[in-house]
């Protein structure tokens, strides 16, 4: 490999969408990049843009995850930033959802992230430094019709990331979750959907599915700008732990915060009343 001392980034799911834009931005700005994809022929053009190592990787396979991390460490000496970007979508109301498709969602979107984290942590712990970036979604903070199980996978990654952060920050390893709203990628057009829609959900999940399809090519988010924003966040002197991307993400997330605070406050007395009374607690001691 060409010798340089720039940070080493490993990005999953580089064939299309965010992964391709992130890898391209990094390579064009002189970073060393491990470009991974299930089909490496789709990312060969990226390899010609800078110092890149192209690896075949299905994140749902823990053996491939470990092999990719090993190959990257052998080539570059270590991984500074892991970007867990690979993911798939599925459009269906919860009741309409095919169990096989749901399991596949979790295998890629959740267990794929977990596989990469498990594989990269030993090296980061040895070096006492590293950065793990998990791309979730605004659907990891807010639920939406037609993507209930997709949101469930993203909520799961958010929860895993919260716990992971508390475990690894004392070891010099940072964890960032990134929540994009709708961006101009092929996610909506490539996502599978229910083949057995239920009429009762046509006004909710059905309308949402149609809106997703109609939005293709017209989404507000610019994935190239998102890639630059992500790198800026990682390299900040005080990087965020969570990064919203897109106006829609900001509006949805802050509205959700307001909703949660209002409801928690309204039910505060009931919530606090669920503990043992102090006198009872004292007698128990």
C-alpha atoms as a PDB file:
ATOM      1  CA  UNK A   1       0.000   0.000   0.000  1.00  0.00           C
ATOM      2  CA  UNK A   2       1.065   3.590  -0.607  1.00  0.00           C
ATOM      3  CA  UNK A   3       2.728   5.018   2.491  1.00  0.00           C
ATOM      4  CA  UNK A   4       1.101   7.973   4.212  1.00  0.00           C
ATOM      5  CA  UNK A   5       0.103   8.795   7.743  1.00  0.00           C
ATOM      6  CA  UNK A   6      -3.453  10.028   7.293  1.00  0.00           C
ATOM      7  CA  UNK A   7      -6.228   8.501   9.428  1.00  0.00           C
ATOM      8  CA  UNK A   8      -7.576   5.107   8.383  1.00  0.00           C
ATOM      9  CA  UNK A   9     -11.333   4.829   7.900  1.00  0.00           C
ATOM     10  CA  UNK A  10     -13.246   1.610   7.258  1.00  0.00           C
ATOM     11  CA  UNK A  11     -16.658   2.188   5.686  1.00  0.00           C
ATOM     12  CA  UNK A  12     -19.252  -0.543   5.197  1.00  0.00           C
ATOM     13  CA  UNK A  13     -21.757  -0.624   2.353  1.00  0.00           C
ATOM     14  CA  UNK A  14     -19.834   1.476  -0.164  1.00  0.00           C
ATOM     15  CA  UNK A  15     -21.622   0.329  -3.320  1.00  0.00           C
ATOM     16  CA  UNK A  16     -24.260   3.044  -3.204  1.00  0.00           C
ATOM     17  CA  UNK A  17     -25.749   5.840  -1.145  1.00  0.00           C
ATOM     18  CA  UNK A  18     -24.128   7.239   1.969  1.00  0.00           C
ATOM     19  CA  UNK A  19     -21.328   4.668   1.965  1.00  0.00           C
ATOM     20  CA  UNK A  20     -20.192   5.578  -1.541  1.00  0.00           C
ATOM     21  CA  UNK A  21     -20.338   9.300  -0.820  1.00  0.00           C
ATOM     22  CA  UNK A  22     -18.470   8.956   2.481  1.00  0.00           C
ATOM     23  CA  UNK A  23     -15.723   6.822   0.920  1.00  0.00           C
ATOM     24  CA  UNK A  24     -15.435   9.171  -2.061  1.00  0.00           C
ATOM     25  CA  UNK A  25     -15.175  12.266   0.144  1.00  0.00           C
ATOM     26  CA  UNK A  26     -12.506  10.661   2.306  1.00  0.00           C
ATOM     27  CA  UNK A  27     -10.401   9.472  -0.622  1.00  0.00           C
ATOM     28  CA  UNK A  28     -10.609  12.827  -2.376  1.00  0.00           C
ATOM     29  CA  UNK A  29      -9.322  14.471   0.791  1.00  0.00           C
ATOM     30  CA  UNK A  30      -6.307  12.214   1.268  1.00  0.00           C
ATOM     31  CA  UNK A  31      -7.529   9.748   3.876  1.00  0.00           C
ATOM     32  CA  UNK A  32      -6.687   6.059   3.776  1.00  0.00           C
ATOM     33  CA  UNK A  33      -9.934   4.175   3.280  1.00  0.00           C
ATOM     34  CA  UNK A  34     -10.956   0.542   3.561  1.00  0.00           C
ATOM     35  CA  UNK A  35     -13.753   0.386   1.007  1.00  0.00           C
ATOM     36  CA  UNK A  36     -16.060  -2.558   1.613  1.00  0.00           C
ATOM     37  CA  UNK A  37     -19.003  -3.955  -0.314  1.00  0.00           C
ATOM     38  CA  UNK A  38     -20.755  -7.255  -0.884  1.00  0.00           C
ATOM     39  CA  UNK A  39     -19.894  -6.925  -4.587  1.00  0.00           C
ATOM     40  CA  UNK A  40     -16.446  -5.407  -4.956  1.00  0.00           C
ATOM     41  CA  UNK A  41     -16.809  -4.878  -8.712  1.00  0.00           C
ATOM     42  CA  UNK A  42     -19.215  -2.047  -7.847  1.00  0.00           C
ATOM     43  CA  UNK A  43     -16.544  -0.057  -5.966  1.00  0.00           C
ATOM     44  CA  UNK A  44     -13.453  -0.498  -8.132  1.00  0.00           C
ATOM     45  CA  UNK A  45     -13.745   3.098  -9.333  1.00  0.00           C
ATOM     46  CA  UNK A  46     -13.337   4.276  -5.735  1.00  0.00           C
ATOM     47  CA  UNK A  47     -10.065   2.400  -5.445  1.00  0.00           C
ATOM     48  CA  UNK A  48      -8.573   4.641  -8.132  1.00  0.00           C
ATOM     49  CA  UNK A  49      -9.322   7.855  -6.246  1.00  0.00           C
ATOM     50  CA  UNK A  50      -6.698   7.539  -3.537  1.00  0.00           C
ATOM     51  CA  UNK A  51      -5.179   5.172  -0.996  1.00  0.00           C
ATOM     52  CA  UNK A  52      -7.858   2.524  -0.791  1.00  0.00           C
ATOM     53  CA  UNK A  53      -8.083  -1.110   0.189  1.00  0.00           C
ATOM     54  CA  UNK A  54     -11.125  -2.781  -1.372  1.00  0.00           C
ATOM     55  CA  UNK A  55     -12.560  -5.721   0.536  1.00  0.00           C
ATOM     56  CA  UNK A  56     -15.533  -7.991   0.009  1.00  0.00           C
ATOM     57  CA  UNK A  57     -17.750  -7.832   3.065  1.00  0.00           C
ATOM     58  CA  UNK A  58     -21.193  -9.014   4.053  1.00  0.00           C
ATOM     59  CA  UNK A  59     -21.590  -7.473   7.513  1.00  0.00           C
ATOM     60  CA  UNK A  60     -24.188 -10.091   8.465  1.00  0.00           C
ATOM     61  CA  UNK A  61     -21.415 -12.723   8.384  1.00  0.00           C
ATOM     62  CA  UNK A  62     -19.277 -12.450  11.557  1.00  0.00           C
ATOM     63  CA  UNK A  63     -16.457 -14.445   9.929  1.00  0.00           C
ATOM     64  CA  UNK A  64     -16.245 -11.942   7.069  1.00  0.00           C
ATOM     65  CA  UNK A  65     -16.403  -9.066   9.560  1.00  0.00           C
ATOM     66  CA  UNK A  66     -13.388 -10.386  11.468  1.00  0.00           C
ATOM     67  CA  UNK A  67     -11.511 -11.114   8.244  1.00  0.00           C
ATOM     68  CA  UNK A  68     -12.092  -7.579   6.949  1.00  0.00           C
ATOM     69  CA  UNK A  69     -10.832  -5.996  10.159  1.00  0.00           C
ATOM     70  CA  UNK A  70      -7.757  -8.269  10.148  1.00  0.00           C
ATOM     71  CA  UNK A  71      -6.957  -7.423   6.517  1.00  0.00           C
ATOM     72  CA  UNK A  72      -7.365  -3.708   7.185  1.00  0.00           C
ATOM     73  CA  UNK A  73      -5.100  -3.818  10.242  1.00  0.00           C
ATOM     74  CA  UNK A  74      -2.466  -5.765   8.349  1.00  0.00           C
ATOM     75  CA  UNK A  75      -2.534  -3.268   5.483  1.00  0.00           C
ATOM     76  CA  UNK A  76      -2.619  -0.051   7.486  1.00  0.00           C
ATOM     77  CA  UNK A  77      -1.562  -0.992  11.019  1.00  0.00           C
ATOM     78  CA  UNK A  78      -4.921  -0.137  12.570  1.00  0.00           C
ATOM     79  CA  UNK A  79      -8.330   1.403  12.039  1.00  0.00           C
ATOM     80  CA  UNK A  80      -8.939   4.917  13.345  1.00  0.00           C
ATOM     81  CA  UNK A  81     -12.614   5.240  12.359  1.00  0.00           C
ATOM     82  CA  UNK A  82     -15.194   2.548  11.680  1.00  0.00           C
ATOM     83  CA  UNK A  83     -18.320   3.728   9.857  1.00  0.00           C
ATOM     84  CA  UNK A  84     -21.185   1.261  10.134  1.00  0.00           C
ATOM     85  CA  UNK A  85     -23.235   2.364   7.166  1.00  0.00           C
ATOM     86  CA  UNK A  86     -24.426  -0.853   5.497  1.00  0.00           C
ATOM     87  CA  UNK A  87     -28.159  -1.357   5.815  1.00  0.00           C
ATOM     88  CA  UNK A  88     -31.363  -2.288   4.027  1.00  0.00           C
ATOM     89  CA  UNK A  89     -34.975  -1.109   4.117  1.00  0.00           C
ATOM     90  CA  UNK A  90     -38.373  -2.772   4.125  1.00  0.00           C
ATOM     91  CA  UNK A  91     -41.802  -1.158   3.688  1.00  0.00           C
ATOM     92  CA  UNK A  92     -44.760  -2.770   5.436  1.00  0.00           C
ATOM     93  CA  UNK A  93     -47.162  -2.119   8.271  1.00  0.00           C
ATOM     94  CA  UNK A  94     -46.200  -4.160  11.318  1.00  0.00           C
ATOM     95  CA  UNK A  95     -49.071  -6.613  10.757  1.00  0.00           C
ATOM     96  CA  UNK A  96     -48.237  -6.892   7.043  1.00  0.00           C
ATOM     97  CA  UNK A  97     -44.579  -7.713   7.617  1.00  0.00           C
ATOM     98  CA  UNK A  98     -43.060 -10.978   6.417  1.00  0.00           C
ATOM     99  CA  UNK A  99     -41.136 -12.621   9.292  1.00  0.00           C
ATOM    100  CA  UNK A 100     -38.329 -13.672   6.937  1.00  0.00           C
ATOM    101  CA  UNK A 101     -37.867 -10.077   5.766  1.00  0.00           C
ATOM    102  CA  UNK A 102     -37.945  -8.841   9.356  1.00  0.00           C
ATOM    103  CA  UNK A 103     -35.201 -11.266  10.364  1.00  0.00           C
ATOM    104  CA  UNK A 104     -33.119 -10.205   7.372  1.00  0.00           C
ATOM    105  CA  UNK A 105     -33.522  -6.572   8.428  1.00  0.00           C
ATOM    106  CA  UNK A 106     -32.165  -7.360  11.872  1.00  0.00           C
ATOM    107  CA  UNK A 107     -29.348  -9.534  10.509  1.00  0.00           C
ATOM    108  CA  UNK A 108     -28.028  -6.664   8.404  1.00  0.00           C
ATOM    109  CA  UNK A 109     -29.072  -3.496  10.228  1.00  0.00           C
ATOM    110  CA  UNK A 110     -28.474  -4.610  13.800  1.00  0.00           C
ATOM    111  CA  UNK A 111     -26.362  -7.753  13.935  1.00  0.00           C
ATOM    112  CA  UNK A 112     -24.220  -6.492  11.052  1.00  0.00           C
ATOM    113  CA  UNK A 113     -23.343  -3.428  13.128  1.00  0.00           C
ATOM    114  CA  UNK A 114     -22.728  -5.620  16.174  1.00  0.00           C
ATOM    115  CA  UNK A 115     -20.435  -7.923  14.163  1.00  0.00           C
ATOM    116  CA  UNK A 116     -18.279  -5.009  13.042  1.00  0.00           C
ATOM    117  CA  UNK A 117     -18.101  -3.527  16.532  1.00  0.00           C
ATOM    118  CA  UNK A 118     -17.068  -6.866  18.027  1.00  0.00           C
ATOM    119  CA  UNK A 119     -14.362  -7.251  15.375  1.00  0.00           C
ATOM    120  CA  UNK A 120     -12.880  -3.751  15.606  1.00  0.00           C
ATOM    121  CA  UNK A 121     -12.836  -3.267  19.382  1.00  0.00           C
ATOM    122  CA  UNK A 122      -9.831  -5.471  20.275  1.00  0.00           C
ATOM    123  CA  UNK A 123      -7.500  -3.380  18.103  1.00  0.00           C
ATOM    124  CA  UNK A 124      -8.966  -0.078  19.257  1.00  0.00           C
ATOM    125  CA  UNK A 125      -8.634  -1.160  22.896  1.00  0.00           C
ATOM    126  CA  UNK A 126      -4.976  -2.110  22.385  1.00  0.00           C
ATOM    127  CA  UNK A 127      -4.231   1.288  20.870  1.00  0.00           C
ATOM    128  CA  UNK A 128      -6.465   3.096  23.390  1.00  0.00           C
ATOM    129  CA  UNK A 129      -8.047   5.152  20.654  1.00  0.00           C
ATOM    130  CA  UNK A 130     -10.642   4.869  17.942  1.00  0.00           C
ATOM    131  CA  UNK A 131     -13.960   6.168  16.714  1.00  0.00           C
ATOM    132  CA  UNK A 132     -17.068   4.115  15.948  1.00  0.00           C
ATOM    133  CA  UNK A 133     -19.723   5.814  13.823  1.00  0.00           C
ATOM    134  CA  UNK A 134     -23.103   4.075  13.607  1.00  0.00           C
ATOM    135  CA  UNK A 135     -25.469   5.407  10.965  1.00  0.00           C
ATOM    136  CA  UNK A 136     -28.974   4.888  12.254  1.00  0.00           C
ATOM    137  CA  UNK A 137     -31.798   7.125  11.021  1.00  0.00           C
ATOM    138  CA  UNK A 138     -34.276   9.683  12.248  1.00  0.00           C
ATOM    139  CA  UNK A 139     -36.267   6.438  12.361  1.00  0.00           C
ATOM    140  CA  UNK A 140     -33.992   5.434  15.234  1.00  0.00           C
ATOM    141  CA  UNK A 141     -35.448   8.264  17.323  1.00  0.00           C
ATOM    142  CA  UNK A 142     -39.014   8.489  15.953  1.00  0.00           C
ATOM    143  CA  UNK A 143     -41.356   5.811  14.644  1.00  0.00           C
ATOM    144  CA  UNK A 144     -43.051   6.176  11.239  1.00  0.00           C
ATOM    145  CA  UNK A 145     -45.761   4.145   9.461  1.00  0.00           C
ATOM    146  CA  UNK A 146     -44.680   1.487   6.942  1.00  0.00           C
ATOM    147  CA  UNK A 147     -41.198   1.177   8.437  1.00  0.00           C
ATOM    148  CA  UNK A 148     -41.939  -0.158  11.907  1.00  0.00           C
ATOM    149  CA  UNK A 149     -39.458  -3.009  11.822  1.00  0.00           C
ATOM    150  CA  UNK A 150     -36.852  -0.877  10.051  1.00  0.00           C
ATOM    151  CA  UNK A 151     -37.228   1.676  12.851  1.00  0.00           C
ATOM    152  CA  UNK A 152     -36.948  -1.155  15.379  1.00  0.00           C
ATOM    153  CA  UNK A 153     -33.525  -2.098  13.984  1.00  0.00           C
ATOM    154  CA  UNK A 154     -32.386   1.509  14.185  1.00  0.00           C
ATOM    155  CA  UNK A 155     -33.739   1.987  17.718  1.00  0.00           C
ATOM    156  CA  UNK A 156     -31.796  -1.156  18.622  1.00  0.00           C
ATOM    157  CA  UNK A 157     -28.548   0.298  17.256  1.00  0.00           C
ATOM    158  CA  UNK A 158     -29.198   3.512  19.185  1.00  0.00           C
ATOM    159  CA  UNK A 159     -29.597   1.525  22.404  1.00  0.00           C
ATOM    160  CA  UNK A 160     -26.507  -0.561  21.739  1.00  0.00           C
ATOM    161  CA  UNK A 161     -24.533   2.592  20.995  1.00  0.00           C
ATOM    162  CA  UNK A 162     -25.636   4.269  24.238  1.00  0.00           C
ATOM    163  CA  UNK A 163     -24.376   1.347  26.309  1.00  0.00           C
ATOM    164  CA  UNK A 164     -21.236   0.885  24.218  1.00  0.00           C
ATOM    165  CA  UNK A 165     -20.347   4.545  24.650  1.00  0.00           C
ATOM    166  CA  UNK A 166     -20.379   4.220  28.436  1.00  0.00           C
ATOM    167  CA  UNK A 167     -18.139   1.153  28.255  1.00  0.00           C
ATOM    168  CA  UNK A 168     -15.494   2.379  25.809  1.00  0.00           C
ATOM    169  CA  UNK A 169     -15.172   6.123  26.378  1.00  0.00           C
ATOM    170  CA  UNK A 170     -12.918   5.502  29.415  1.00  0.00           C
ATOM    171  CA  UNK A 171     -10.671   3.489  27.062  1.00  0.00           C
ATOM    172  CA  UNK A 172     -10.222   6.383  24.624  1.00  0.00           C
ATOM    173  CA  UNK A 173     -12.803   5.159  22.100  1.00  0.00           C
ATOM    174  CA  UNK A 174     -15.614   7.455  20.949  1.00  0.00           C
ATOM    175  CA  UNK A 175     -19.057   6.453  19.651  1.00  0.00           C
ATOM    176  CA  UNK A 176     -21.188   8.634  17.366  1.00  0.00           C
ATOM    177  CA  UNK A 177     -24.689   7.849  16.131  1.00  0.00           C
ATOM    178  CA  UNK A 178     -25.865   9.651  12.994  1.00  0.00           C
ATOM    179  CA  UNK A 179     -29.575  10.191  12.300  1.00  0.00           C
ATOM    180  CA  UNK A 180     -30.292  11.282   8.713  1.00  0.00           C
ATOM    181  CA  UNK A 181     -33.723  12.148   7.398  1.00  0.00           C
ATOM    182  CA  UNK A 182     -34.577  11.589   3.709  1.00  0.00           C
ATOM    183  CA  UNK A 183     -31.519  11.899   1.468  1.00  0.00           C
ATOM    184  CA  UNK A 184     -31.159  11.536  -2.274  1.00  0.00           C
ATOM    185  CA  UNK A 185     -29.916   7.945  -2.308  1.00  0.00           C
ATOM    186  CA  UNK A 186     -31.431   4.766  -3.744  1.00  0.00           C
ATOM    187  CA  UNK A 187     -32.561   3.487  -0.316  1.00  0.00           C
ATOM    188  CA  UNK A 188     -36.267   3.977  -1.034  1.00  0.00           C
ATOM    189  CA  UNK A 189     -36.103   2.527  -4.531  1.00  0.00           C
ATOM    190  CA  UNK A 190     -34.086  -0.522  -3.465  1.00  0.00           C
ATOM    191  CA  UNK A 191     -36.103  -1.390  -0.344  1.00  0.00           C
ATOM    192  CA  UNK A 192     -38.364  -4.403  -0.448  1.00  0.00           C
ATOM    193  CA  UNK A 193     -41.988  -4.149   0.594  1.00  0.00           C
ATOM    194  CA  UNK A 194     -44.964  -6.236   1.574  1.00  0.00           C
ATOM    195  CA  UNK A 195     -46.595  -8.308  -1.143  1.00  0.00           C
ATOM    196  CA  UNK A 196     -49.806  -8.701   0.872  1.00  0.00           C
ATOM    197  CA  UNK A 197     -51.038  -5.230   1.860  1.00  0.00           C
ATOM    198  CA  UNK A 198     -54.009  -4.977   4.205  1.00  0.00           C
ATOM    199  CA  UNK A 199     -56.708  -2.497   3.173  1.00  0.00           C
ATOM    200  CA  UNK A 200     -57.178  -1.160   6.709  1.00  0.00           C
ATOM    201  CA  UNK A 201     -53.632   0.230   6.607  1.00  0.00           C
ATOM    202  CA  UNK A 202     -53.895   1.907   3.207  1.00  0.00           C
ATOM    203  CA  UNK A 203     -54.323   5.391   4.713  1.00  0.00           C
ATOM    204  CA  UNK A 204     -51.268   4.998   6.974  1.00  0.00           C
ATOM    205  CA  UNK A 205     -48.639   2.467   5.878  1.00  0.00           C
ATOM    206  CA  UNK A 206     -49.967   2.363   2.314  1.00  0.00           C
ATOM    207  CA  UNK A 207     -49.819   6.135   1.944  1.00  0.00           C
ATOM    208  CA  UNK A 208     -46.326   6.172   3.456  1.00  0.00           C
ATOM    209  CA  UNK A 209     -45.100   3.518   1.000  1.00  0.00           C
ATOM    210  CA  UNK A 210     -46.414   5.522  -1.921  1.00  0.00           C
ATOM    211  CA  UNK A 211     -44.795   8.674  -0.572  1.00  0.00           C
ATOM    212  CA  UNK A 212     -41.430   6.924  -0.260  1.00  0.00           C
ATOM    213  CA  UNK A 213     -41.600   5.784  -3.886  1.00  0.00           C
ATOM    214  CA  UNK A 214     -42.685   9.214  -5.109  1.00  0.00           C
ATOM    215  CA  UNK A 215     -39.829  10.887  -3.233  1.00  0.00           C
ATOM    216  CA  UNK A 216     -37.055   9.064  -5.098  1.00  0.00           C
ATOM    217  CA  UNK A 217     -34.753  11.612  -6.706  1.00  0.00           C
ATOM    218  CA  UNK A 218     -36.492  14.496  -4.949  1.00  0.00           C
ATOM    219  CA  UNK A 219     -35.398  13.991  -1.319  1.00  0.00           C
ATOM    220  CA  UNK A 220     -34.147  17.154   0.366  1.00  0.00           C
ATOM    221  CA  UNK A 221     -30.908  15.691   1.708  1.00  0.00           C
ATOM    222  CA  UNK A 222     -27.639  15.918  -0.238  1.00  0.00           C
ATOM    223  CA  UNK A 223     -25.514  12.814   0.545  1.00  0.00           C
ATOM    224  CA  UNK A 224     -22.281  14.586  -0.475  1.00  0.00           C
ATOM    225  CA  UNK A 225     -22.930  17.332   2.086  1.00  0.00           C
ATOM    226  CA  UNK A 226     -23.838  14.659   4.629  1.00  0.00           C
ATOM    227  CA  UNK A 227     -20.492  12.923   4.066  1.00  0.00           C
ATOM    228  CA  UNK A 228     -18.617  16.175   4.675  1.00  0.00           C
ATOM    229  CA  UNK A 229     -20.686  16.884   7.797  1.00  0.00           C
ATOM    230  CA  UNK A 230     -19.930  13.436   9.212  1.00  0.00           C
ATOM    231  CA  UNK A 231     -16.174  13.867   8.757  1.00  0.00           C
ATOM    232  CA  UNK A 232     -16.377  17.339  10.303  1.00  0.00           C
ATOM    233  CA  UNK A 233     -18.151  15.896  13.364  1.00  0.00           C
ATOM    234  CA  UNK A 234     -15.600  13.105  13.833  1.00  0.00           C
ATOM    235  CA  UNK A 235     -12.684  15.521  13.593  1.00  0.00           C
ATOM    236  CA  UNK A 236     -14.168  18.194  15.882  1.00  0.00           C
ATOM    237  CA  UNK A 237     -12.200  19.033  19.026  1.00  0.00           C
ATOM    238  CA  UNK A 238     -15.331  18.082  20.969  1.00  0.00           C
ATOM    239  CA  UNK A 239     -17.232  15.686  18.691  1.00  0.00           C
ATOM    240  CA  UNK A 240     -20.942  15.163  19.233  1.00  0.00           C
ATOM    241  CA  UNK A 241     -22.319  11.856  20.460  1.00  0.00           C
ATOM    242  CA  UNK A 242     -25.335  12.189  18.186  1.00  0.00           C
ATOM    243  CA  UNK A 243     -25.538  13.970  14.835  1.00  0.00           C
ATOM    244  CA  UNK A 244     -28.820  14.812  13.105  1.00  0.00           C
ATOM    245  CA  UNK A 245     -28.534  15.286   9.347  1.00  0.00           C
ATOM    246  CA  UNK A 246     -31.142  17.216   7.396  1.00  0.00           C
ATOM    247  CA  UNK A 247     -33.813  19.768   8.252  1.00  0.00           C
ATOM    248  CA  UNK A 248     -36.468  17.081   8.497  1.00  0.00           C
ATOM    249  CA  UNK A 249     -34.363  15.152  11.002  1.00  0.00           C
ATOM    250  CA  UNK A 250     -33.874  18.234  13.162  1.00  0.00           C
ATOM    251  CA  UNK A 251     -37.570  19.138  13.125  1.00  0.00           C
ATOM    252  CA  UNK A 252     -38.729  15.577  13.853  1.00  0.00           C
ATOM    253  CA  UNK A 253     -36.202  14.996  16.636  1.00  0.00           C
ATOM    254  CA  UNK A 254     -36.842  18.258  18.454  1.00  0.00           C
ATOM    255  CA  UNK A 255     -40.621  17.761  18.174  1.00  0.00           C
ATOM    256  CA  UNK A 256     -40.158  14.313  19.685  1.00  0.00           C
ATOM    257  CA  UNK A 257     -38.160  15.804  22.560  1.00  0.00           C
ATOM    258  CA  UNK A 258     -40.939  18.307  23.243  1.00  0.00           C
ATOM    259  CA  UNK A 259     -43.568  15.561  23.132  1.00  0.00           C
ATOM    260  CA  UNK A 260     -41.638  13.341  25.546  1.00  0.00           C
ATOM    261  CA  UNK A 261     -40.999  16.170  28.006  1.00  0.00           C
ATOM    262  CA  UNK A 262     -44.646  17.245  27.994  1.00  0.00           C
ATOM    263  CA  UNK A 263     -45.934  13.727  28.577  1.00  0.00           C
ATOM    264  CA  UNK A 264     -43.345  12.850  31.220  1.00  0.00           C
ATOM    265  CA  UNK A 265     -44.125  16.064  33.094  1.00  0.00           C
ATOM    266  CA  UNK A 266     -47.877  15.509  32.896  1.00  0.00           C
ATOM    267  CA  UNK A 267     -47.510  12.039  34.429  1.00  0.00           C
ATOM    268  CA  UNK A 268     -44.711  12.934  36.854  1.00  0.00           C
ATOM    269  CA  UNK A 269     -46.756  12.364  40.015  1.00  0.00           C
ATOM    270  CA  UNK A 270     -47.871   8.913  38.883  1.00  0.00           C
ATOM    271  CA  UNK A 271     -44.337   8.041  37.838  1.00  0.00           C
ATOM    272  CA  UNK A 272     -42.780   9.094  41.129  1.00  0.00           C
ATOM    273  CA  UNK A 273     -45.545   7.394  43.083  1.00  0.00           C
ATOM    274  CA  UNK A 274     -44.502   3.958  41.833  1.00  0.00           C
ATOM    275  CA  UNK A 275     -41.564   3.733  44.282  1.00  0.00           C
ATOM    276  CA  UNK A 276     -41.840   2.445  47.841  1.00  0.00           C
ATOM    277  CA  UNK A 277     -42.783   5.257  50.213  1.00  0.00           C
ATOM    278  CA  UNK A 278     -39.754   6.475  52.182  1.00  0.00           C
ATOM    279  CA  UNK A 279     -41.165   5.258  55.516  1.00  0.00           C
ATOM    280  CA  UNK A 280     -41.681   1.763  54.163  1.00  0.00           C
ATOM    281  CA  UNK A 281     -38.180   1.757  52.704  1.00  0.00           C
ATOM    282  CA  UNK A 282     -36.676   2.840  56.014  1.00  0.00           C
ATOM    283  CA  UNK A 283     -38.558   0.140  57.944  1.00  0.00           C
ATOM    284  CA  UNK A 284     -37.337  -2.464  55.471  1.00  0.00           C
ATOM    285  CA  UNK A 285     -33.755  -1.520  56.321  1.00  0.00           C
END
